[in-house]
Amino acid sequence: MNYKMIGSKILIAALCMLAFACKKNNNETEKQAEGTLVKPNYNRNTMFRNPLNGWVMYGSGTVQPGYWDTEYYVPDLGKKVKAIDYASACYIRTRWANFNPSNGVYAWRDPSTALYKMIKGAQDRGLPIAFRIVVDGRDQGLNTPQFVFDAGAKYITEDPKFPDRRTPLPQDPIFRQHYAKFIEELAKDFNDPKKTSFIDAYGLGKWGEAHNVIYFDPAANAPKDKIEQAKEEVMDWISDLYVKNFSKIPLAINYHRVVGDPVSWGSANPNSDRLLKKLINKGYILRQDAFGMTDYYQSWEKAFAKTWNFKRPILMEGGWITSGTHRYWTDPSGKYREGHPEDVRKGEFDSSLEAAVNMMDFRVGDTESWFTKSFTLVQRFISEGGYRLYPERVYVPEKVSANTETTITHRWRNMGWGYLPNNIPQWNYKYKVAFALLDGSGTVKKIIVDQYGEPSTWLKSSATTYELKTKLDVPAGAYTWAVAIVDTTNDNKPGIRLAVNGDMTTDGWYKLINVQVQ
């Protein structure tokens, strides 16, 4: 007993000393830092179009480009605004047939098509595109192009009254041949992070939501083990197809307890967790289409999201359509009043906060209520959601000798509840902290990348400090220190907009102080 008591006291004392030592070391880093301290002014409200971050505005393959200029009256502001001014990406969820109406014909390359005009309209306004391609036709008609069935692809029709509502069987080799050809062509134009934000890289099942996927004619009553085998084989095939062709674009999978299953509801399938992890290990990020729908987005989905927080980003879509399609006031939570879409918006926001999502949706039909009845939440997500990164403290010298080692000490903070997903395979840690020397005209004369400054590790709970030792091999003269998070795959140009107020160059370098190189 005495030995145990003594051991416990020693352990407690050691932990206290360790905590004190860590705190002391952090303070010493501050005290011993070389150079002049600069404290950038944090910007807490401005919307920045950063990758995989912020609001997503929805389009389709048929809506005309003028849709993006639609205005909504905001009582809180006393004026009309455009939703596009608050969005970071344009999400187009539409049928395969709209992309690829006939064999070898691709609508996004034809300036006369609505799809081309939609994409061009968004891009002209500075928005990258996101896609989901839907093939299941049970609720929406002929989503897969007719030429695929004419070529002999097998399909089922759920209701004889609607013979055109054909759903292809994803194991069918003819379906796969044409679908793979289509994805390969799409990638030729959109495997480019400047153009494309993300892709829902599954798209099977009802509405492309990865549930109620048909593998066999329901009348055949296929055994469960055969269905599970087909499910995994199909998931492997389609994910391999997207990973191969979209090597630079984040790929998303809907996470829910019956992913890829022939059902839409019910208890968790024992294979769901394993299959989702398999796709995540291939590089997939996470998406859910039922936020705020509490009878569908339940404890399984919440626990799964929590497991992957800050390891993979989560993208949100609201489940209830409040503009007349759904009886949202029947939600089991009992929190939604009929005629009050703002109740649903609050439910979606709260679920998004709990899941620490990076992106929320201005969904078609629900966008107006976000602005007219819930604009405070729009602003809150801009200020609190996703990631908002800024250099809290920077020590840089005001005088330095050329080719002599100098030290830059910099401390960073993320003020958002999400994270910058620099760790996903498609990005491969391409975003890095960098410092630049600007000449009198603002031209970048030298860039110093800190390979250890890793933004994906910055979480809201704490700040992170780094020391960077470097030599300034530039001609003697007057320069300005500047800082940015650069894209190392794009000539070290600034790739993430910093949440700061102050003197920012047009290409995204934040000016700190002047420095004289001797």
Protein backbone atom coordinates (compact mmCIF):
# COMPACT_ATOMS: atom_id res chain seq x y z
CA MET A 1 0.00 0.00 0.00
CA ASN A 2 2.78 2.43 0.97
CA TYR A 3 4.73 1.63 -2.19
CA LYS A 4 1.60 2.21 -4.29
CA MET A 5 0.95 5.55 -2.57
CA ILE A 6 4.54 6.65 -3.03
CA GLY A 7 4.47 5.55 -6.68
CA SER A 8 1.27 7.48 -7.31
CA LYS A 9 2.71 10.63 -5.77
CA ILE A 10 5.87 10.31 -7.86
CA LEU A 11 3.76 9.86 -11.02
CA ILE A 12 1.63 12.90 -10.23
CA ALA A 13 4.72 14.98 -9.49
CA ALA A 14 6.33 13.85 -12.75
CA LEU A 15 3.23 14.77 -14.76
CA CYS A 16 3.11 18.19 -13.12
CA MET A 17 6.77 18.76 -13.91
CA LEU A 18 6.19 17.64 -17.50
CA ALA A 19 3.25 20.00 -17.92
CA PHE A 20 5.31 22.83 -16.44
CA ALA A 21 8.23 21.99 -18.69
CA CYS A 22 6.03 22.04 -21.83
CA LYS A 23 4.58 25.37 -20.87
CA LYS A 24 8.03 26.72 -20.03
CA ASN A 25 9.41 25.55 -23.36
CA ASN A 26 6.60 27.25 -25.25
CA ASN A 27 7.26 30.46 -23.35
CA GLU A 28 10.97 30.14 -23.97
CA THR A 29 10.33 29.75 -27.69
CA GLU A 30 8.46 33.04 -27.60
CA LYS A 31 11.12 34.79 -25.50
CA GLN A 32 14.05 33.48 -27.49
CA ALA A 33 12.54 34.07 -30.93
CA GLU A 34 14.69 36.23 -33.14
CA GLY A 35 13.40 39.23 -35.02
CA THR A 36 10.43 41.54 -34.74
CA LEU A 37 7.04 40.29 -33.65
CA VAL A 38 4.16 40.80 -36.10
CA LYS A 39 0.59 40.06 -35.02
CA PRO A 40 -1.70 39.88 -38.09
CA ASN A 41 -5.26 41.07 -37.58
CA TYR A 42 -7.68 38.13 -37.74
CA ASN A 43 -10.61 38.39 -40.16
CA ARG A 44 -13.62 36.62 -38.67
CA ASN A 45 -16.41 37.36 -41.15
CA THR A 46 -15.29 37.50 -44.78
CA MET A 47 -16.21 34.59 -47.06
CA PHE A 48 -13.15 33.09 -48.76
CA ARG A 49 -13.35 30.63 -51.65
CA ASN A 50 -10.96 28.05 -50.33
CA PRO A 51 -10.90 24.42 -51.59
CA LEU A 52 -13.22 21.92 -49.85
CA ASN A 53 -14.51 24.67 -47.58
CA GLY A 54 -17.65 26.77 -47.26
CA TRP A 55 -21.07 26.84 -48.90
CA VAL A 56 -21.94 24.82 -52.01
CA MET A 57 -24.49 26.22 -54.44
CA TYR A 58 -26.52 23.70 -56.45
CA GLY A 59 -27.27 23.56 -60.14
CA SER A 60 -28.31 20.84 -62.55
CA GLY A 61 -27.78 19.76 -66.11
CA THR A 62 -30.78 21.75 -67.31
CA VAL A 63 -30.93 25.00 -65.28
CA GLN A 64 -29.86 28.02 -67.30
CA PRO A 65 -26.72 29.97 -66.30
CA GLY A 66 -28.76 33.00 -65.20
CA TYR A 67 -29.77 30.96 -62.19
CA TRP A 68 -26.48 31.84 -60.53
CA ASP A 69 -27.45 35.53 -60.53
CA THR A 70 -30.70 34.99 -58.62
CA GLU A 71 -31.10 37.45 -55.75
CA TYR A 72 -32.71 36.92 -52.34
CA TYR A 73 -33.91 39.56 -49.95
CA VAL A 74 -32.15 39.35 -46.57
CA PRO A 75 -34.13 41.07 -43.80
CA ASP A 76 -31.04 41.14 -41.57
CA LEU A 77 -29.22 43.24 -44.18
CA GLY A 78 -32.19 45.14 -45.56
CA LYS A 79 -31.18 44.37 -49.14
CA LYS A 80 -30.99 41.67 -51.80
CA VAL A 81 -27.90 39.51 -52.25
CA LYS A 82 -26.75 36.82 -54.66
CA ALA A 83 -26.25 33.37 -53.16
CA ILE A 84 -23.25 32.86 -55.45
CA ASP A 85 -21.40 35.58 -53.55
CA TYR A 86 -21.46 33.30 -50.51
CA ALA A 87 -20.56 30.04 -52.29
CA SER A 88 -17.26 28.22 -52.81
CA ALA A 89 -18.33 25.62 -55.38
CA CYS A 90 -21.07 24.78 -57.88
CA TYR A 91 -22.58 21.31 -57.39
CA ILE A 92 -24.21 19.69 -60.39
CA ARG A 93 -26.13 16.49 -59.65
CA THR A 94 -27.75 15.22 -62.79
CA ARG A 95 -28.36 12.20 -64.98
CA TRP A 96 -25.69 10.47 -67.02
CA ALA A 97 -27.90 11.06 -70.08
CA ASN A 98 -27.50 14.83 -69.69
CA PHE A 99 -23.74 14.50 -69.80
CA ASN A 100 -23.59 11.86 -72.53
CA PRO A 101 -26.86 11.84 -74.56
CA SER A 102 -25.53 9.54 -77.30
CA ASN A 103 -22.49 7.41 -77.87
CA GLY A 104 -19.41 9.61 -78.25
CA VAL A 105 -21.36 12.83 -77.66
CA TYR A 106 -20.49 14.85 -74.53
CA ALA A 107 -22.74 17.77 -73.65
CA TRP A 108 -20.20 19.65 -71.54
CA ARG A 109 -18.15 20.23 -74.71
CA ASP A 110 -21.09 21.61 -76.72
CA PRO A 111 -21.68 25.36 -76.19
CA SER A 112 -25.32 25.00 -77.26
CA THR A 113 -26.28 22.69 -74.35
CA ALA A 114 -27.71 23.72 -71.00
CA LEU A 115 -25.02 21.69 -69.21
CA TYR A 116 -22.22 23.55 -70.96
CA LYS A 117 -23.85 26.90 -70.17
CA MET A 118 -24.33 25.95 -66.51
CA ILE A 119 -20.70 24.92 -66.08
CA LYS A 120 -19.39 27.91 -68.04
CA GLY A 121 -21.61 30.31 -66.12
CA ALA A 122 -20.31 29.07 -62.77
CA GLN A 123 -16.69 29.06 -63.90
CA ASP A 124 -16.98 32.59 -65.28
CA ARG A 125 -18.08 33.63 -61.79
CA GLY A 126 -15.09 32.00 -60.13
CA LEU A 127 -16.71 28.79 -58.89
CA PRO A 128 -15.15 25.35 -59.37
CA ILE A 129 -17.53 22.53 -60.31
CA ALA A 130 -18.55 19.47 -58.29
CA PHE A 131 -20.41 16.51 -59.81
CA ARG A 132 -22.68 13.59 -59.07
CA ILE A 133 -23.73 11.44 -62.01
CA VAL A 134 -26.97 9.50 -61.44
CA VAL A 135 -27.73 6.28 -63.37
CA ASP A 136 -30.69 4.77 -61.44
CA GLY A 137 -33.99 5.53 -63.20
CA ARG A 138 -36.64 4.21 -60.82
CA ASP A 139 -37.81 7.60 -59.55
CA GLN A 140 -36.56 9.95 -62.25
CA GLY A 141 -36.90 8.35 -65.66
CA LEU A 142 -34.14 7.51 -68.10
CA ASN A 143 -31.04 8.62 -66.20
CA THR A 144 -28.76 6.20 -68.07
CA PRO A 145 -28.56 7.07 -71.81
CA GLN A 146 -30.81 5.05 -74.09
CA PHE A 147 -27.88 4.05 -76.30
CA VAL A 148 -26.46 1.98 -73.42
CA PHE A 149 -29.62 -0.17 -73.32
CA ASP A 150 -29.76 -0.28 -77.12
CA ALA A 151 -26.27 -1.81 -76.97
CA GLY A 152 -27.66 -4.63 -74.81
CA ALA A 153 -27.03 -3.54 -71.20
CA LYS A 154 -29.24 -5.44 -68.75
CA TYR A 155 -31.69 -3.48 -66.62
CA ILE A 156 -34.77 -3.72 -64.41
CA THR A 157 -37.97 -1.68 -64.44
CA GLU A 158 -39.58 -1.48 -61.02
CA ASP A 159 -43.05 -0.44 -62.16
CA PRO A 160 -44.55 -1.75 -65.46
CA LYS A 161 -46.52 1.51 -65.73
CA PHE A 162 -43.23 3.31 -66.35
CA PRO A 163 -41.26 1.23 -68.87
CA ASP A 164 -38.81 4.06 -69.50
CA ARG A 165 -37.65 4.09 -65.88
CA ARG A 166 -34.80 1.74 -66.49
CA THR A 167 -32.08 0.99 -63.96
CA PRO A 168 -28.95 -0.75 -65.26
CA LEU A 169 -27.39 -3.64 -63.38
CA PRO A 170 -23.91 -2.43 -62.42
CA GLN A 171 -22.26 -5.84 -62.93
CA ASP A 172 -23.28 -5.88 -66.59
CA PRO A 173 -20.21 -5.69 -68.89
CA ILE A 174 -21.94 -3.52 -71.51
CA PHE A 175 -23.01 -1.01 -68.88
CA ARG A 176 -19.47 -0.96 -67.49
CA GLN A 177 -17.90 -0.53 -70.92
CA HIS A 178 -19.92 2.59 -71.72
CA TYR A 179 -19.77 4.03 -68.20
CA ALA A 180 -15.98 3.65 -68.07
CA LYS A 181 -15.65 5.34 -71.46
CA PHE A 182 -17.77 8.23 -70.20
CA ILE A 183 -15.76 8.68 -66.97
CA GLU A 184 -12.51 8.61 -68.92
CA GLU A 185 -13.77 11.39 -71.20
CA LEU A 186 -15.05 13.43 -68.24
CA ALA A 187 -11.66 13.16 -66.57
CA LYS A 188 -9.89 14.52 -69.64
CA ASP A 189 -11.57 17.86 -68.99
CA PHE A 190 -12.17 17.89 -65.24
CA ASN A 191 -9.24 16.12 -63.56
CA ASP A 192 -8.04 19.62 -62.78
CA PRO A 193 -8.28 21.15 -59.29
CA LYS A 194 -8.60 24.61 -60.82
CA LYS A 195 -11.86 23.50 -62.43
CA THR A 196 -13.21 20.85 -60.08
CA SER A 197 -13.88 20.99 -56.35
CA PHE A 198 -14.90 17.34 -55.73
CA ILE A 199 -16.81 14.44 -57.28
CA ASP A 200 -19.39 12.11 -55.73
CA ALA A 201 -17.52 9.11 -57.04
CA TYR A 202 -20.13 6.34 -56.70
CA GLY A 203 -23.49 7.59 -57.95
CA LEU A 204 -25.34 4.25 -57.81
CA GLY A 205 -28.67 3.63 -56.09
CA LYS A 206 -31.68 5.87 -55.78
CA TRP A 207 -30.75 9.50 -56.48
CA GLY A 208 -27.13 8.36 -56.56
CA GLU A 209 -27.06 8.28 -52.75
CA ALA A 210 -25.42 4.83 -52.45
CA HIS A 211 -28.47 3.07 -51.01
CA ASN A 212 -31.17 0.90 -52.60
CA VAL A 213 -28.69 -0.35 -55.20
CA ILE A 214 -30.05 -3.05 -57.51
CA TYR A 215 -27.72 -5.91 -58.49
CA PHE A 216 -30.26 -8.60 -59.45
CA ASP A 217 -33.86 -8.68 -60.52
CA PRO A 218 -35.77 -8.39 -57.21
CA ALA A 219 -38.05 -11.23 -58.33
CA ALA A 220 -35.05 -13.58 -58.33
CA ASN A 221 -34.70 -13.37 -54.52
CA ALA A 222 -30.91 -13.57 -54.66
CA PRO A 223 -29.35 -14.96 -51.46
CA LYS A 224 -27.81 -12.46 -49.08
CA ASP A 225 -24.25 -13.73 -49.47
CA LYS A 226 -24.51 -13.35 -53.25
CA ILE A 227 -25.75 -9.76 -52.81
CA GLU A 228 -22.89 -8.95 -50.42
CA GLN A 229 -20.38 -10.37 -52.88
CA ALA A 230 -21.85 -8.32 -55.74
CA LYS A 231 -21.98 -5.19 -53.61
CA GLU A 232 -18.27 -5.29 -52.80
CA GLU A 233 -17.21 -6.24 -56.31
CA VAL A 234 -19.21 -3.35 -57.78
CA MET A 235 -17.85 -0.94 -55.19
CA ASP A 236 -14.31 -2.03 -56.01
CA TRP A 237 -14.91 -1.62 -59.73
CA ILE A 238 -16.46 1.83 -59.65
CA SER A 239 -14.07 3.25 -57.04
CA ASP A 240 -11.05 1.94 -58.96
CA LEU A 241 -12.43 3.61 -62.08
CA TYR A 242 -12.75 7.00 -60.41
CA VAL A 243 -9.44 6.78 -58.54
CA LYS A 244 -7.60 5.92 -61.74
CA ASN A 245 -9.09 8.77 -63.79
CA PHE A 246 -9.53 11.52 -61.19
CA SER A 247 -6.11 11.40 -59.57
CA LYS A 248 -6.11 15.09 -58.60
CA ILE A 249 -9.70 15.56 -57.44
CA PRO A 250 -11.21 14.72 -54.02
CA LEU A 251 -13.65 11.81 -54.39
CA ALA A 252 -16.63 11.46 -52.04
CA ILE A 253 -18.70 8.53 -50.80
CA ASN A 254 -21.96 8.73 -48.86
CA TYR A 255 -21.46 7.32 -45.40
CA HIS A 256 -24.49 5.54 -43.99
CA ARG A 257 -25.28 2.24 -42.36
CA VAL A 258 -26.60 0.53 -45.53
CA VAL A 259 -24.07 1.83 -48.05
CA GLY A 260 -24.35 0.00 -51.37
CA ASP A 261 -27.20 -2.15 -50.05
CA PRO A 262 -30.48 -3.00 -51.88
CA VAL A 263 -32.38 -1.32 -49.01
CA SER A 264 -32.64 2.31 -47.95
CA TRP A 265 -33.54 1.93 -44.29
CA GLY A 266 -33.01 -0.42 -41.40
CA SER A 267 -30.27 -1.43 -39.03
CA ALA A 268 -26.60 -1.18 -39.96
CA ASN A 269 -25.29 -3.75 -42.38
CA PRO A 270 -22.30 -5.53 -40.76
CA ASN A 271 -20.19 -4.80 -43.86
CA SER A 272 -20.88 -1.05 -44.09
CA ASP A 273 -18.06 0.07 -41.83
CA ARG A 274 -15.51 -2.17 -43.56
CA LEU A 275 -16.54 -1.14 -47.08
CA LEU A 276 -16.45 2.55 -46.25
CA LYS A 277 -13.01 2.20 -44.72
CA LYS A 278 -11.89 0.39 -47.85
CA LEU A 279 -12.87 3.37 -49.97
CA ILE A 280 -11.39 5.84 -47.51
CA ASN A 281 -8.10 3.96 -47.74
CA LYS A 282 -8.27 4.48 -51.50
CA GLY A 283 -8.51 8.20 -50.92
CA TYR A 284 -12.24 8.90 -50.59
CA ILE A 285 -13.62 11.70 -48.43
CA LEU A 286 -17.05 11.63 -46.73
CA ARG A 287 -20.43 13.02 -47.64
CA GLN A 288 -23.93 12.62 -46.17
CA ASP A 289 -27.22 13.65 -47.78
CA ALA A 290 -29.51 13.47 -44.73
CA PHE A 291 -28.32 16.11 -42.27
CA GLY A 292 -31.24 17.31 -40.17
CA MET A 293 -33.30 14.22 -41.06
CA THR A 294 -33.13 12.56 -37.66
CA ASP A 295 -34.86 9.32 -38.59
CA TYR A 296 -32.11 8.63 -41.11
CA TYR A 297 -29.01 10.41 -39.83
CA GLN A 298 -28.77 8.49 -36.58
CA SER A 299 -26.25 7.28 -34.03
CA TRP A 300 -24.39 5.04 -36.51
CA GLU A 301 -23.74 7.92 -38.89
CA LYS A 302 -22.80 10.28 -36.05
CA ALA A 303 -20.34 7.78 -34.59
CA PHE A 304 -18.78 7.12 -37.99
CA ALA A 305 -18.32 10.85 -38.59
CA LYS A 306 -16.70 11.27 -35.21
CA THR A 307 -14.26 8.45 -35.94
CA TRP A 308 -13.05 10.23 -39.07
CA ASN A 309 -13.09 13.83 -37.86
CA PHE A 310 -9.89 15.64 -38.91
CA LYS A 311 -8.72 12.53 -40.79
CA ARG A 312 -11.08 13.03 -43.73
CA PRO A 313 -13.27 16.06 -44.46
CA ILE A 314 -17.05 15.71 -44.27
CA LEU A 315 -19.42 17.37 -46.77
CA MET A 316 -23.01 18.02 -45.77
CA GLU A 317 -26.36 18.01 -47.58
CA GLY A 318 -29.68 18.61 -45.87
CA GLY A 319 -32.14 15.72 -45.99
CA TRP A 320 -35.46 17.55 -45.91
CA ILE A 321 -36.62 19.65 -48.86
CA THR A 322 -38.76 22.34 -47.25
CA SER A 323 -40.08 24.02 -50.41
CA GLY A 324 -43.04 21.67 -50.83
CA THR A 325 -41.60 18.22 -51.55
CA HIS A 326 -41.27 16.76 -48.04
CA ARG A 327 -43.40 16.69 -44.88
CA TYR A 328 -40.46 17.80 -42.77
CA TRP A 329 -42.66 18.61 -39.74
CA THR A 330 -43.10 14.84 -39.24
CA ASP A 331 -39.42 14.46 -38.32
CA PRO A 332 -39.11 12.33 -35.14
CA SER A 333 -37.14 15.06 -33.39
CA GLY A 334 -40.35 17.05 -32.99
CA LYS A 335 -38.36 20.26 -33.54
CA TYR A 336 -39.70 21.25 -36.95
CA ARG A 337 -42.95 23.19 -37.24
CA GLU A 338 -45.01 23.09 -40.40
CA GLY A 339 -44.47 26.27 -42.36
CA HIS A 340 -41.19 27.02 -40.59
CA PRO A 341 -38.27 25.95 -42.78
CA GLU A 342 -35.99 27.91 -40.48
CA ASP A 343 -36.48 25.13 -37.90
CA VAL A 344 -34.98 22.66 -40.37
CA ARG A 345 -32.14 25.01 -41.23
CA LYS A 346 -31.27 25.19 -37.51
CA GLY A 347 -31.43 21.38 -37.23
CA GLU A 348 -29.09 21.03 -40.20
CA PHE A 349 -26.68 23.58 -38.80
CA ASP A 350 -26.55 21.91 -35.40
CA SER A 351 -25.88 18.50 -36.97
CA SER A 352 -23.17 20.04 -39.14
CA LEU A 353 -21.50 21.54 -36.11
CA GLU A 354 -21.59 18.19 -34.33
CA ALA A 355 -20.01 16.46 -37.36
CA ALA A 356 -17.46 19.29 -37.88
CA VAL A 357 -18.32 19.49 -41.59
CA ASN A 358 -16.22 21.46 -44.06
CA MET A 359 -19.02 22.27 -46.51
CA MET A 360 -22.76 23.00 -46.26
CA ASP A 361 -25.37 23.27 -49.02
CA PHE A 362 -27.47 25.92 -50.71
CA ARG A 363 -29.72 23.23 -52.15
CA VAL A 364 -32.14 23.94 -54.99
CA GLY A 365 -35.51 24.76 -53.46
CA ASP A 366 -34.07 25.51 -50.02
CA THR A 367 -31.61 28.29 -50.85
CA GLU A 368 -34.19 31.04 -50.37
CA SER A 369 -35.00 30.07 -46.77
CA TRP A 370 -31.31 30.20 -45.82
CA PHE A 371 -31.22 33.86 -46.85
CA THR A 372 -34.70 35.06 -45.96
CA LYS A 373 -35.17 33.20 -42.66
CA SER A 374 -31.79 31.85 -41.49
CA PHE A 375 -29.15 34.29 -42.70
CA THR A 376 -27.57 34.41 -39.25
CA LEU A 377 -26.68 30.73 -39.71
CA VAL A 378 -25.23 31.44 -43.15
CA GLN A 379 -22.91 33.98 -41.57
CA ARG A 380 -22.14 31.71 -38.63
CA PHE A 381 -20.96 28.92 -40.89
CA ILE A 382 -18.74 31.35 -42.78
CA SER A 383 -17.24 32.52 -39.47
CA GLU A 384 -17.16 29.22 -37.56
CA GLY A 385 -17.41 26.30 -39.99
CA GLY A 386 -14.85 24.54 -42.12
CA TYR A 387 -11.37 25.99 -41.69
CA ARG A 388 -10.21 29.58 -41.22
CA LEU A 389 -6.44 29.80 -40.98
CA TYR A 390 -4.25 32.69 -40.00
CA PRO A 391 -0.72 33.36 -38.69
CA GLU A 392 -1.31 34.45 -35.11
CA ARG A 393 2.28 35.53 -34.42
CA VAL A 394 5.30 35.84 -36.73
CA TYR A 395 8.87 36.80 -35.78
CA VAL A 396 10.97 37.99 -38.73
CA PRO A 397 14.16 40.08 -38.83
CA GLU A 398 14.19 43.68 -40.05
CA LYS A 399 17.88 43.49 -40.96
CA VAL A 400 19.77 40.46 -42.20
CA SER A 401 23.01 39.71 -43.97
CA ALA A 402 22.75 37.88 -47.28
CA ASN A 403 23.73 34.20 -47.16
CA THR A 404 23.72 34.25 -43.35
CA GLU A 405 21.35 31.90 -41.57
CA THR A 406 18.32 33.57 -40.05
CA THR A 407 15.33 32.21 -38.13
CA ILE A 408 11.63 32.79 -38.72
CA THR A 409 9.31 31.79 -35.87
CA HIS A 410 5.63 31.51 -36.79
CA ARG A 411 2.51 30.42 -34.92
CA TRP A 412 -0.70 29.39 -36.68
CA ARG A 413 -4.30 28.98 -35.63
CA ASN A 414 -7.40 27.46 -37.23
CA MET A 415 -10.54 29.27 -36.09
CA GLY A 416 -12.99 26.91 -37.84
CA TRP A 417 -14.49 23.70 -36.50
CA GLY A 418 -13.28 21.69 -39.54
CA TYR A 419 -9.78 21.29 -40.94
CA LEU A 420 -7.74 21.85 -44.10
CA PRO A 421 -7.63 18.30 -45.57
CA ASN A 422 -4.08 18.56 -46.85
CA ASN A 423 -3.62 14.89 -45.93
CA ILE A 424 -5.97 13.38 -48.53
CA PRO A 425 -4.06 11.38 -51.17
CA GLN A 426 -5.15 13.56 -54.09
CA TRP A 427 -3.55 16.59 -52.42
CA ASN A 428 -0.61 14.71 -50.88
CA TYR A 429 0.34 17.56 -48.52
CA LYS A 430 0.69 20.05 -51.35
CA TYR A 431 -0.28 23.07 -49.24
CA LYS A 432 2.62 24.46 -47.21
CA VAL A 433 3.44 27.55 -45.20
CA ALA A 434 5.82 29.80 -47.13
CA PHE A 435 7.49 33.16 -46.68
CA ALA A 436 8.44 35.49 -49.51
CA LEU A 437 10.61 38.52 -50.09
CA LEU A 438 8.85 41.13 -52.22
CA ASP A 439 10.71 43.96 -53.94
CA GLY A 440 9.49 47.54 -54.11
CA SER A 441 7.07 46.76 -56.93
CA GLY A 442 5.58 43.81 -55.04
CA THR A 443 7.29 41.21 -57.21
CA VAL A 444 8.24 37.99 -55.46
CA LYS A 445 12.03 37.67 -55.46
CA LYS A 446 12.40 34.66 -53.17
CA ILE A 447 10.11 32.02 -51.66
CA ILE A 448 11.03 29.99 -48.58
CA VAL A 449 8.78 26.97 -48.00
CA ASP A 450 8.56 25.50 -44.52
CA GLN A 451 8.27 21.77 -45.17
CA TYR A 452 7.32 21.16 -41.53
CA GLY A 453 4.47 23.66 -41.38
CA GLU A 454 1.56 21.25 -41.84
CA PRO A 455 -1.92 22.87 -42.04
CA SER A 456 -3.89 19.60 -41.78
CA THR A 457 -2.86 19.31 -38.12
CA TRP A 458 -4.18 22.73 -37.10
CA LEU A 459 -7.36 22.35 -35.06
CA LYS A 460 -9.42 24.98 -33.32
CA SER A 461 -8.40 23.84 -29.85
CA SER A 462 -4.76 24.97 -30.06
CA ALA A 463 -2.15 26.99 -31.93
CA THR A 464 0.98 25.48 -33.49
CA THR A 465 4.45 27.08 -33.53
CA TYR A 466 7.30 26.43 -35.95
CA GLU A 467 10.91 27.58 -36.35
CA LEU A 468 12.25 27.95 -39.87
CA LYS A 469 15.98 28.47 -40.45
CA THR A 470 16.97 29.80 -43.85
CA LYS A 471 19.50 31.88 -45.83
CA LEU A 472 18.41 34.84 -47.91
CA ASP A 473 20.48 34.52 -51.05
CA VAL A 474 19.17 37.66 -52.74
CA PRO A 475 20.92 40.88 -53.79
CA ALA A 476 21.31 43.52 -51.08
CA GLY A 477 18.43 45.93 -50.86
CA ALA A 478 15.04 46.72 -49.34
CA TYR A 479 12.35 44.06 -49.35
CA THR A 480 9.05 43.23 -47.66
CA TRP A 481 8.40 40.04 -45.76
CA ALA A 482 5.20 38.26 -46.80
CA VAL A 483 3.54 35.00 -45.81
CA ALA A 484 1.08 32.61 -47.46
CA ILE A 485 -0.05 29.01 -47.63
CA VAL A 486 1.17 28.01 -51.07
CA ASP A 487 0.32 25.21 -53.47
CA THR A 488 3.62 23.43 -54.06
CA THR A 489 2.18 21.78 -57.21
CA ASN A 490 1.44 25.20 -58.73
CA ASP A 491 4.82 26.99 -58.67
CA ASN A 492 4.46 27.79 -54.96
CA LYS A 493 1.68 30.29 -55.63
CA PRO A 494 -0.67 31.09 -52.71
CA GLY A 495 -3.36 28.40 -52.67
CA ILE A 496 -5.31 29.08 -49.47
CA ARG A 497 -6.77 32.48 -48.65
CA LEU A 498 -5.67 33.50 -45.15
CA ALA A 499 -8.28 34.85 -42.73
CA VAL A 500 -6.52 38.15 -42.10
CA ASN A 501 -7.15 41.84 -42.52
CA GLY A 502 -4.34 43.99 -43.83
CA ASP A 503 -2.12 44.47 -46.83
CA MET A 504 -2.63 41.53 -49.17
CA THR A 505 -1.18 41.28 -52.67
CA THR A 506 -3.54 40.44 -55.53
CA ASP A 507 -2.12 36.91 -55.73
CA GLY A 508 -2.51 36.21 -52.00
CA TRP A 509 0.73 37.10 -50.19
CA TYR A 510 0.11 38.80 -46.85
CA LYS A 511 2.64 41.56 -46.20
CA LEU A 512 4.32 41.60 -42.78
CA ILE A 513 7.14 44.15 -42.34
CA ASN A 514 10.05 45.57 -44.32
CA VAL A 515 13.49 43.97 -44.21
CA GLN A 516 16.89 45.29 -45.26
CA VAL A 517 19.20 42.68 -46.76
CA GLN A 518 22.83 43.73 -46.40
